[in-house]
N, C-alpha and C. Protein backbone atom coordinates (compact mmCIF):
# COMPACT_ATOMS: atom_id res chain seq x y z
N MET A 1 7.13 -0.33 -11.68
CA MET A 1 7.17 -1.50 -12.54
C MET A 1 8.49 -2.20 -12.31
N ARG A 2 8.45 -3.49 -12.41
CA ARG A 2 9.65 -4.30 -12.28
C ARG A 2 9.71 -5.20 -13.51
N ILE A 3 10.87 -5.22 -14.16
CA ILE A 3 11.01 -6.05 -15.35
C ILE A 3 12.30 -6.85 -15.33
N VAL A 4 12.26 -7.97 -16.01
CA VAL A 4 13.43 -8.80 -16.25
C VAL A 4 13.65 -8.80 -17.76
N VAL A 5 14.86 -8.44 -18.17
CA VAL A 5 15.21 -8.39 -19.59
C VAL A 5 16.22 -9.50 -19.86
N GLN A 6 15.91 -10.35 -20.83
CA GLN A 6 16.81 -11.44 -21.18
C GLN A 6 17.16 -11.34 -22.66
N ARG A 7 18.47 -11.31 -22.95
CA ARG A 7 18.92 -11.32 -24.33
C ARG A 7 18.70 -12.74 -24.87
N SER A 8 18.04 -12.84 -26.02
CA SER A 8 17.70 -14.17 -26.50
C SER A 8 18.06 -14.36 -27.97
N ARG A 9 18.30 -15.60 -28.31
CA ARG A 9 18.51 -15.99 -29.71
C ARG A 9 17.18 -16.31 -30.37
N SER A 10 16.24 -16.81 -29.58
CA SER A 10 14.89 -17.09 -30.05
C SER A 10 14.00 -17.26 -28.83
N ALA A 11 12.71 -16.96 -29.00
CA ALA A 11 11.78 -17.10 -27.89
C ALA A 11 10.36 -17.17 -28.43
N SER A 12 9.50 -17.81 -27.64
CA SER A 12 8.09 -17.89 -28.02
C SER A 12 7.22 -18.03 -26.78
N VAL A 13 5.94 -17.72 -26.97
CA VAL A 13 4.94 -17.88 -25.92
C VAL A 13 3.80 -18.69 -26.50
N ARG A 14 3.37 -19.70 -25.75
CA ARG A 14 2.22 -20.51 -26.13
C ARG A 14 1.11 -20.35 -25.10
N VAL A 15 -0.11 -20.32 -25.61
CA VAL A 15 -1.30 -20.34 -24.76
C VAL A 15 -2.20 -21.43 -25.33
N ASP A 16 -2.58 -22.37 -24.48
CA ASP A 16 -3.42 -23.50 -24.92
C ASP A 16 -2.81 -24.23 -26.12
N GLY A 17 -1.48 -24.38 -26.09
CA GLY A 17 -0.79 -25.12 -27.14
C GLY A 17 -0.56 -24.36 -28.43
N ARG A 18 -1.01 -23.12 -28.51
CA ARG A 18 -0.89 -22.32 -29.72
C ARG A 18 0.13 -21.19 -29.50
N VAL A 19 1.06 -21.01 -30.46
CA VAL A 19 2.02 -19.91 -30.37
C VAL A 19 1.28 -18.59 -30.58
N VAL A 20 1.40 -17.70 -29.60
CA VAL A 20 0.75 -16.39 -29.70
C VAL A 20 1.75 -15.27 -29.93
N GLY A 21 3.04 -15.55 -29.72
CA GLY A 21 4.09 -14.57 -29.95
C GLY A 21 5.42 -15.28 -30.08
N ALA A 22 6.25 -14.81 -31.00
CA ALA A 22 7.57 -15.43 -31.19
C ALA A 22 8.53 -14.43 -31.82
N ILE A 23 9.80 -14.51 -31.43
CA ILE A 23 10.85 -13.68 -32.02
C ILE A 23 12.08 -14.53 -32.28
N ASP A 24 12.92 -14.02 -33.16
CA ASP A 24 14.25 -14.58 -33.31
C ASP A 24 15.15 -13.77 -32.36
N ARG A 25 16.27 -13.29 -32.81
CA ARG A 25 17.20 -12.55 -31.95
C ARG A 25 16.55 -11.29 -31.38
N GLY A 26 16.75 -11.07 -30.09
CA GLY A 26 16.22 -9.88 -29.47
C GLY A 26 16.16 -9.98 -27.97
N LEU A 27 15.08 -9.46 -27.40
CA LEU A 27 14.92 -9.40 -25.96
C LEU A 27 13.60 -10.01 -25.53
N VAL A 28 13.65 -10.81 -24.48
CA VAL A 28 12.44 -11.27 -23.79
C VAL A 28 12.32 -10.38 -22.57
N VAL A 29 11.16 -9.74 -22.42
CA VAL A 29 10.94 -8.82 -21.32
C VAL A 29 9.74 -9.30 -20.51
N LEU A 30 10.00 -9.67 -19.26
CA LEU A 30 8.95 -10.06 -18.33
C LEU A 30 8.59 -8.82 -17.54
N VAL A 31 7.29 -8.48 -17.51
CA VAL A 31 6.85 -7.19 -16.98
C VAL A 31 5.89 -7.37 -15.81
N GLY A 32 6.26 -6.82 -14.65
CA GLY A 32 5.38 -6.80 -13.49
C GLY A 32 4.99 -5.37 -13.18
N VAL A 33 3.70 -5.11 -13.04
CA VAL A 33 3.20 -3.76 -12.77
C VAL A 33 2.78 -3.67 -11.31
N LYS A 34 3.33 -2.68 -10.61
CA LYS A 34 3.03 -2.47 -9.20
C LYS A 34 1.84 -1.53 -9.03
N ALA A 35 1.15 -1.69 -7.94
CA ALA A 35 0.09 -0.74 -7.58
C ALA A 35 0.72 0.65 -7.50
N GLY A 36 0.07 1.62 -8.10
CA GLY A 36 0.59 2.99 -8.07
C GLY A 36 1.50 3.34 -9.23
N ASP A 37 1.87 2.38 -10.05
CA ASP A 37 2.69 2.69 -11.22
C ASP A 37 1.92 3.59 -12.18
N THR A 38 2.65 4.39 -12.94
CA THR A 38 2.04 5.35 -13.86
C THR A 38 2.61 5.18 -15.26
N GLU A 39 2.08 5.96 -16.19
CA GLU A 39 2.61 5.95 -17.55
C GLU A 39 4.06 6.40 -17.57
N ALA A 40 4.45 7.24 -16.63
CA ALA A 40 5.86 7.68 -16.55
C ALA A 40 6.76 6.49 -16.25
N ASP A 41 6.31 5.56 -15.41
CA ASP A 41 7.09 4.36 -15.12
C ASP A 41 7.24 3.51 -16.37
N ALA A 42 6.14 3.34 -17.10
CA ALA A 42 6.16 2.55 -18.33
C ALA A 42 7.10 3.18 -19.36
N ALA A 43 7.04 4.49 -19.50
CA ALA A 43 7.90 5.19 -20.46
C ALA A 43 9.37 5.08 -20.06
N TYR A 44 9.66 5.28 -18.78
CA TYR A 44 11.03 5.18 -18.29
C TYR A 44 11.64 3.81 -18.60
N LEU A 45 10.88 2.75 -18.29
CA LEU A 45 11.42 1.41 -18.50
C LEU A 45 11.48 1.04 -19.98
N ALA A 46 10.53 1.46 -20.77
CA ALA A 46 10.59 1.19 -22.21
C ALA A 46 11.83 1.85 -22.80
N ASP A 47 12.10 3.09 -22.43
CA ASP A 47 13.29 3.78 -22.92
C ASP A 47 14.56 3.05 -22.48
N LYS A 48 14.59 2.59 -21.25
CA LYS A 48 15.75 1.84 -20.75
C LYS A 48 15.97 0.57 -21.56
N VAL A 49 14.89 -0.18 -21.79
CA VAL A 49 14.99 -1.44 -22.53
C VAL A 49 15.54 -1.21 -23.93
N VAL A 50 14.99 -0.23 -24.61
CA VAL A 50 15.39 0.03 -26.00
C VAL A 50 16.86 0.40 -26.09
N HIS A 51 17.37 1.12 -25.10
CA HIS A 51 18.74 1.63 -25.19
C HIS A 51 19.76 0.84 -24.37
N LEU A 52 19.34 -0.30 -23.79
CA LEU A 52 20.31 -1.14 -23.06
C LEU A 52 21.37 -1.65 -24.02
N ARG A 53 22.60 -1.37 -23.72
CA ARG A 53 23.71 -1.81 -24.58
C ARG A 53 24.19 -3.18 -24.09
N ILE A 54 23.45 -4.22 -24.49
CA ILE A 54 23.77 -5.57 -24.02
C ILE A 54 24.02 -6.54 -25.18
N PHE A 55 24.14 -6.01 -26.39
CA PHE A 55 24.50 -6.84 -27.54
C PHE A 55 25.93 -6.52 -27.94
N GLU A 56 26.65 -7.54 -28.37
CA GLU A 56 28.07 -7.36 -28.68
C GLU A 56 28.29 -6.61 -29.98
N ASP A 57 29.34 -5.78 -29.96
CA ASP A 57 29.77 -5.10 -31.18
C ASP A 57 30.82 -5.96 -31.88
N ASP A 58 31.48 -5.44 -32.89
CA ASP A 58 32.47 -6.21 -33.65
C ASP A 58 33.69 -6.59 -32.82
N SER A 59 33.91 -5.89 -31.71
CA SER A 59 35.03 -6.19 -30.82
C SER A 59 34.65 -7.17 -29.72
N GLY A 60 33.41 -7.62 -29.70
CA GLY A 60 32.97 -8.55 -28.67
C GLY A 60 32.53 -7.88 -27.37
N LYS A 61 32.44 -6.55 -27.34
CA LYS A 61 31.99 -5.82 -26.15
C LYS A 61 30.49 -5.61 -26.23
N MET A 62 29.84 -5.67 -25.08
CA MET A 62 28.41 -5.36 -25.05
C MET A 62 28.28 -3.84 -25.21
N ASN A 63 28.02 -3.43 -26.43
CA ASN A 63 28.05 -2.02 -26.76
C ASN A 63 26.93 -1.60 -27.71
N ARG A 64 26.03 -2.53 -28.05
CA ARG A 64 24.96 -2.24 -29.00
C ARG A 64 23.61 -2.51 -28.35
N ASP A 65 22.60 -1.76 -28.79
CA ASP A 65 21.25 -1.97 -28.25
C ASP A 65 20.40 -2.75 -29.25
N VAL A 66 19.19 -3.07 -28.87
CA VAL A 66 18.32 -3.90 -29.69
C VAL A 66 17.97 -3.21 -31.01
N LEU A 67 17.91 -1.89 -31.02
CA LEU A 67 17.64 -1.18 -32.27
C LEU A 67 18.78 -1.35 -33.27
N GLU A 68 20.01 -1.24 -32.76
CA GLU A 68 21.18 -1.35 -33.63
C GLU A 68 21.34 -2.75 -34.22
N THR A 69 20.83 -3.74 -33.52
CA THR A 69 21.00 -5.12 -33.98
C THR A 69 19.83 -5.59 -34.85
N GLY A 70 18.79 -4.77 -34.94
CA GLY A 70 17.62 -5.19 -35.70
C GLY A 70 16.81 -6.26 -35.00
N GLY A 71 16.96 -6.36 -33.69
CA GLY A 71 16.25 -7.37 -32.91
C GLY A 71 14.80 -7.00 -32.65
N ALA A 72 14.09 -7.91 -32.03
CA ALA A 72 12.69 -7.72 -31.68
C ALA A 72 12.53 -7.91 -30.18
N VAL A 73 11.32 -7.67 -29.68
CA VAL A 73 11.02 -7.83 -28.26
C VAL A 73 9.82 -8.76 -28.11
N LEU A 74 9.95 -9.69 -27.17
CA LEU A 74 8.82 -10.51 -26.75
C LEU A 74 8.48 -10.07 -25.33
N SER A 75 7.33 -9.42 -25.17
CA SER A 75 6.91 -8.86 -23.89
C SER A 75 5.85 -9.75 -23.26
N VAL A 76 6.09 -10.12 -22.00
CA VAL A 76 5.19 -11.03 -21.29
C VAL A 76 4.83 -10.42 -19.94
N SER A 77 3.55 -10.21 -19.71
CA SER A 77 3.10 -9.71 -18.42
C SER A 77 3.29 -10.80 -17.37
N GLN A 78 3.88 -10.42 -16.21
CA GLN A 78 4.15 -11.43 -15.19
C GLN A 78 4.05 -10.81 -13.80
N PHE A 79 2.86 -10.88 -13.22
CA PHE A 79 2.63 -10.27 -11.90
C PHE A 79 3.47 -10.93 -10.81
N THR A 80 3.93 -12.16 -11.03
CA THR A 80 4.70 -12.85 -9.99
C THR A 80 6.05 -12.18 -9.71
N LEU A 81 6.47 -11.27 -10.57
CA LEU A 81 7.70 -10.51 -10.29
C LEU A 81 7.54 -9.64 -9.04
N LEU A 82 6.29 -9.41 -8.65
CA LEU A 82 6.01 -8.58 -7.47
C LEU A 82 5.80 -9.41 -6.22
N GLY A 83 6.04 -10.70 -6.30
CA GLY A 83 5.86 -11.57 -5.14
C GLY A 83 6.80 -11.21 -4.01
N ASP A 84 6.27 -11.14 -2.82
CA ASP A 84 7.04 -10.81 -1.62
C ASP A 84 7.10 -12.05 -0.74
N VAL A 85 8.30 -12.53 -0.49
CA VAL A 85 8.48 -13.74 0.34
C VAL A 85 9.31 -13.45 1.59
N ARG A 86 9.29 -12.20 2.03
CA ARG A 86 10.04 -11.87 3.23
C ARG A 86 9.47 -12.54 4.46
N LYS A 87 8.16 -12.81 4.46
CA LYS A 87 7.52 -13.51 5.58
C LYS A 87 6.93 -14.80 5.04
N GLY A 88 7.26 -15.88 5.68
CA GLY A 88 6.70 -17.17 5.27
C GLY A 88 7.31 -17.68 3.97
N ARG A 89 6.64 -18.66 3.38
CA ARG A 89 7.15 -19.29 2.17
C ARG A 89 6.23 -19.13 0.97
N ARG A 90 5.04 -18.66 1.20
CA ARG A 90 4.10 -18.45 0.10
C ARG A 90 4.18 -16.96 -0.28
N PRO A 91 4.48 -16.66 -1.55
CA PRO A 91 4.54 -15.24 -1.94
C PRO A 91 3.20 -14.55 -1.77
N ASN A 92 3.26 -13.29 -1.36
CA ASN A 92 2.04 -12.49 -1.39
C ASN A 92 2.24 -11.46 -2.49
N TYR A 93 1.14 -11.14 -3.13
CA TYR A 93 1.19 -10.27 -4.31
C TYR A 93 0.48 -8.95 -4.05
N MET A 94 0.50 -8.50 -2.82
CA MET A 94 -0.18 -7.26 -2.45
C MET A 94 0.39 -6.05 -3.19
N ALA A 95 1.65 -6.11 -3.60
CA ALA A 95 2.27 -4.99 -4.30
C ALA A 95 1.85 -4.90 -5.76
N ALA A 96 1.29 -5.97 -6.30
CA ALA A 96 0.90 -5.98 -7.72
C ALA A 96 -0.31 -5.08 -7.95
N ALA A 97 -0.32 -4.44 -9.11
CA ALA A 97 -1.45 -3.59 -9.48
C ALA A 97 -2.68 -4.45 -9.76
N PRO A 98 -3.87 -3.90 -9.59
CA PRO A 98 -5.08 -4.63 -9.98
C PRO A 98 -5.01 -4.96 -11.48
N PRO A 99 -5.62 -6.06 -11.90
CA PRO A 99 -5.50 -6.50 -13.29
C PRO A 99 -5.82 -5.43 -14.35
N GLU A 100 -6.87 -4.64 -14.16
CA GLU A 100 -7.23 -3.64 -15.17
C GLU A 100 -6.11 -2.61 -15.34
N ALA A 101 -5.57 -2.13 -14.24
CA ALA A 101 -4.50 -1.14 -14.29
C ALA A 101 -3.22 -1.74 -14.85
N ALA A 102 -2.91 -2.96 -14.42
CA ALA A 102 -1.70 -3.64 -14.90
C ALA A 102 -1.77 -3.86 -16.40
N HIS A 103 -2.92 -4.32 -16.88
CA HIS A 103 -3.08 -4.58 -18.31
C HIS A 103 -2.88 -3.28 -19.10
N ALA A 104 -3.47 -2.21 -18.66
CA ALA A 104 -3.35 -0.93 -19.37
C ALA A 104 -1.90 -0.45 -19.41
N LEU A 105 -1.18 -0.55 -18.31
CA LEU A 105 0.22 -0.08 -18.30
C LEU A 105 1.13 -1.00 -19.09
N TRP A 106 0.87 -2.28 -19.07
CA TRP A 106 1.66 -3.22 -19.89
C TRP A 106 1.46 -2.88 -21.37
N GLU A 107 0.21 -2.62 -21.75
CA GLU A 107 -0.06 -2.23 -23.14
C GLU A 107 0.64 -0.92 -23.49
N ARG A 108 0.62 0.03 -22.57
CA ARG A 108 1.29 1.31 -22.80
C ARG A 108 2.79 1.11 -22.97
N PHE A 109 3.38 0.26 -22.15
CA PHE A 109 4.80 -0.09 -22.25
C PHE A 109 5.10 -0.65 -23.64
N ASN A 110 4.27 -1.57 -24.10
CA ASN A 110 4.47 -2.19 -25.42
C ASN A 110 4.32 -1.17 -26.54
N GLU A 111 3.35 -0.27 -26.42
CA GLU A 111 3.16 0.78 -27.42
C GLU A 111 4.38 1.69 -27.49
N ARG A 112 4.95 1.99 -26.34
CA ARG A 112 6.15 2.85 -26.29
C ARG A 112 7.31 2.15 -27.00
N LEU A 113 7.48 0.85 -26.78
CA LEU A 113 8.53 0.10 -27.48
C LEU A 113 8.30 0.16 -28.99
N ARG A 114 7.06 -0.05 -29.41
CA ARG A 114 6.74 -0.01 -30.85
C ARG A 114 7.01 1.37 -31.43
N GLY A 115 6.86 2.39 -30.63
CA GLY A 115 7.11 3.76 -31.08
C GLY A 115 8.54 3.99 -31.50
N PHE A 116 9.46 3.15 -31.05
CA PHE A 116 10.85 3.23 -31.46
C PHE A 116 11.10 2.48 -32.77
N GLY A 117 10.06 1.84 -33.29
CA GLY A 117 10.20 1.08 -34.52
C GLY A 117 10.51 -0.38 -34.30
N LEU A 118 10.43 -0.83 -33.06
CA LEU A 118 10.70 -2.23 -32.76
C LEU A 118 9.49 -3.11 -33.08
N ARG A 119 9.76 -4.32 -33.53
CA ARG A 119 8.70 -5.32 -33.63
C ARG A 119 8.52 -5.89 -32.23
N VAL A 120 7.31 -5.81 -31.71
CA VAL A 120 7.01 -6.28 -30.36
C VAL A 120 5.93 -7.35 -30.45
N GLU A 121 6.30 -8.55 -30.03
CA GLU A 121 5.35 -9.65 -29.90
C GLU A 121 5.00 -9.74 -28.42
N THR A 122 3.83 -10.31 -28.12
CA THR A 122 3.42 -10.37 -26.71
C THR A 122 2.81 -11.73 -26.37
N GLY A 123 2.74 -11.95 -25.08
CA GLY A 123 1.94 -13.04 -24.56
C GLY A 123 0.50 -12.55 -24.47
N VAL A 124 -0.31 -13.25 -23.68
CA VAL A 124 -1.71 -12.88 -23.47
C VAL A 124 -1.88 -12.52 -22.01
N PHE A 125 -2.29 -11.29 -21.74
CA PHE A 125 -2.43 -10.83 -20.37
C PHE A 125 -3.36 -11.75 -19.59
N GLY A 126 -2.91 -12.19 -18.42
CA GLY A 126 -3.73 -12.99 -17.52
C GLY A 126 -3.83 -14.46 -17.87
N ALA A 127 -3.26 -14.86 -18.99
CA ALA A 127 -3.35 -16.27 -19.41
C ALA A 127 -2.26 -17.10 -18.75
N ASN A 128 -2.48 -18.40 -18.69
CA ASN A 128 -1.44 -19.34 -18.29
C ASN A 128 -0.60 -19.57 -19.53
N MET A 129 0.66 -19.11 -19.49
CA MET A 129 1.52 -19.14 -20.68
C MET A 129 2.71 -20.06 -20.49
N GLU A 130 3.16 -20.60 -21.59
CA GLU A 130 4.41 -21.35 -21.63
C GLU A 130 5.41 -20.50 -22.41
N VAL A 131 6.45 -20.04 -21.74
CA VAL A 131 7.45 -19.18 -22.37
C VAL A 131 8.69 -20.03 -22.60
N SER A 132 9.14 -20.05 -23.84
CA SER A 132 10.37 -20.76 -24.20
C SER A 132 11.37 -19.75 -24.73
N LEU A 133 12.62 -19.90 -24.31
CA LEU A 133 13.64 -19.02 -24.87
C LEU A 133 15.00 -19.67 -24.83
N VAL A 134 15.82 -19.25 -25.76
CA VAL A 134 17.23 -19.58 -25.75
C VAL A 134 17.92 -18.30 -25.30
N ASN A 135 18.34 -18.28 -24.02
CA ASN A 135 18.97 -17.10 -23.44
C ASN A 135 20.38 -17.00 -23.99
N ASP A 136 20.69 -15.89 -24.62
CA ASP A 136 21.98 -15.67 -25.26
C ASP A 136 22.95 -15.06 -24.27
N GLY A 137 23.97 -15.80 -23.91
CA GLY A 137 25.01 -15.28 -23.00
C GLY A 137 25.35 -16.22 -21.86
N PRO A 138 24.48 -16.40 -20.91
CA PRO A 138 23.20 -15.74 -20.70
C PRO A 138 23.38 -14.30 -20.22
N VAL A 139 22.50 -13.44 -20.69
CA VAL A 139 22.45 -12.05 -20.24
C VAL A 139 21.05 -11.81 -19.70
N THR A 140 20.98 -11.48 -18.42
CA THR A 140 19.71 -11.20 -17.76
C THR A 140 19.88 -9.95 -16.90
N ILE A 141 19.01 -8.95 -17.13
CA ILE A 141 19.11 -7.67 -16.44
C ILE A 141 17.80 -7.41 -15.70
N LEU A 142 17.90 -6.95 -14.45
CA LEU A 142 16.72 -6.56 -13.67
C LEU A 142 16.60 -5.05 -13.68
N LEU A 143 15.40 -4.55 -13.95
CA LEU A 143 15.14 -3.12 -13.94
C LEU A 143 13.89 -2.85 -13.12
N ASP A 144 13.88 -1.73 -12.44
CA ASP A 144 12.73 -1.33 -11.64
C ASP A 144 12.53 0.16 -11.83
N SER A 145 11.30 0.59 -12.01
CA SER A 145 11.06 2.02 -12.19
C SER A 145 11.34 2.82 -10.93
N GLU A 146 11.48 2.14 -9.79
CA GLU A 146 11.90 2.83 -8.56
C GLU A 146 13.41 3.00 -8.53
N ARG A 147 14.06 2.49 -9.56
CA ARG A 147 15.52 2.65 -9.74
C ARG A 147 16.30 2.05 -8.59
N LEU A 148 15.88 0.84 -8.17
CA LEU A 148 16.54 0.14 -7.07
C LEU A 148 17.83 -0.53 -7.50
N PHE A 149 17.93 -0.86 -8.79
CA PHE A 149 19.10 -1.60 -9.27
C PHE A 149 20.04 -0.68 -10.02
């Protein structure tokens, strides 16, 4: 799995002009599921997201996680994170998991986040979505269950 985590002041997702998920302060997490990913990958990344110390403490250091700040998560499935452009200019998505498997693991990832007591809002799997956010910092972190970063 490959994810992008963005610290946000506010964020929302619209589908067909209707807000389907929105948060105030917290994290926007864009989630790409690779072919061959397992529940262990989803659990590893959910644990990482929850415990990322990217919120400032009273001294101004990034030393607090989303749980400590009372923040929420907006999780958006995004297969384009698996786009490969090493050859040519059009991304190929051969590394992305088939939709059924990707949907199931994305849901498992979200359930794991909720298991920590977080409020998790989501987009709609497979839909054309409009994601709006106010990136706080900006702070943007890339994570991969293959531990490349």
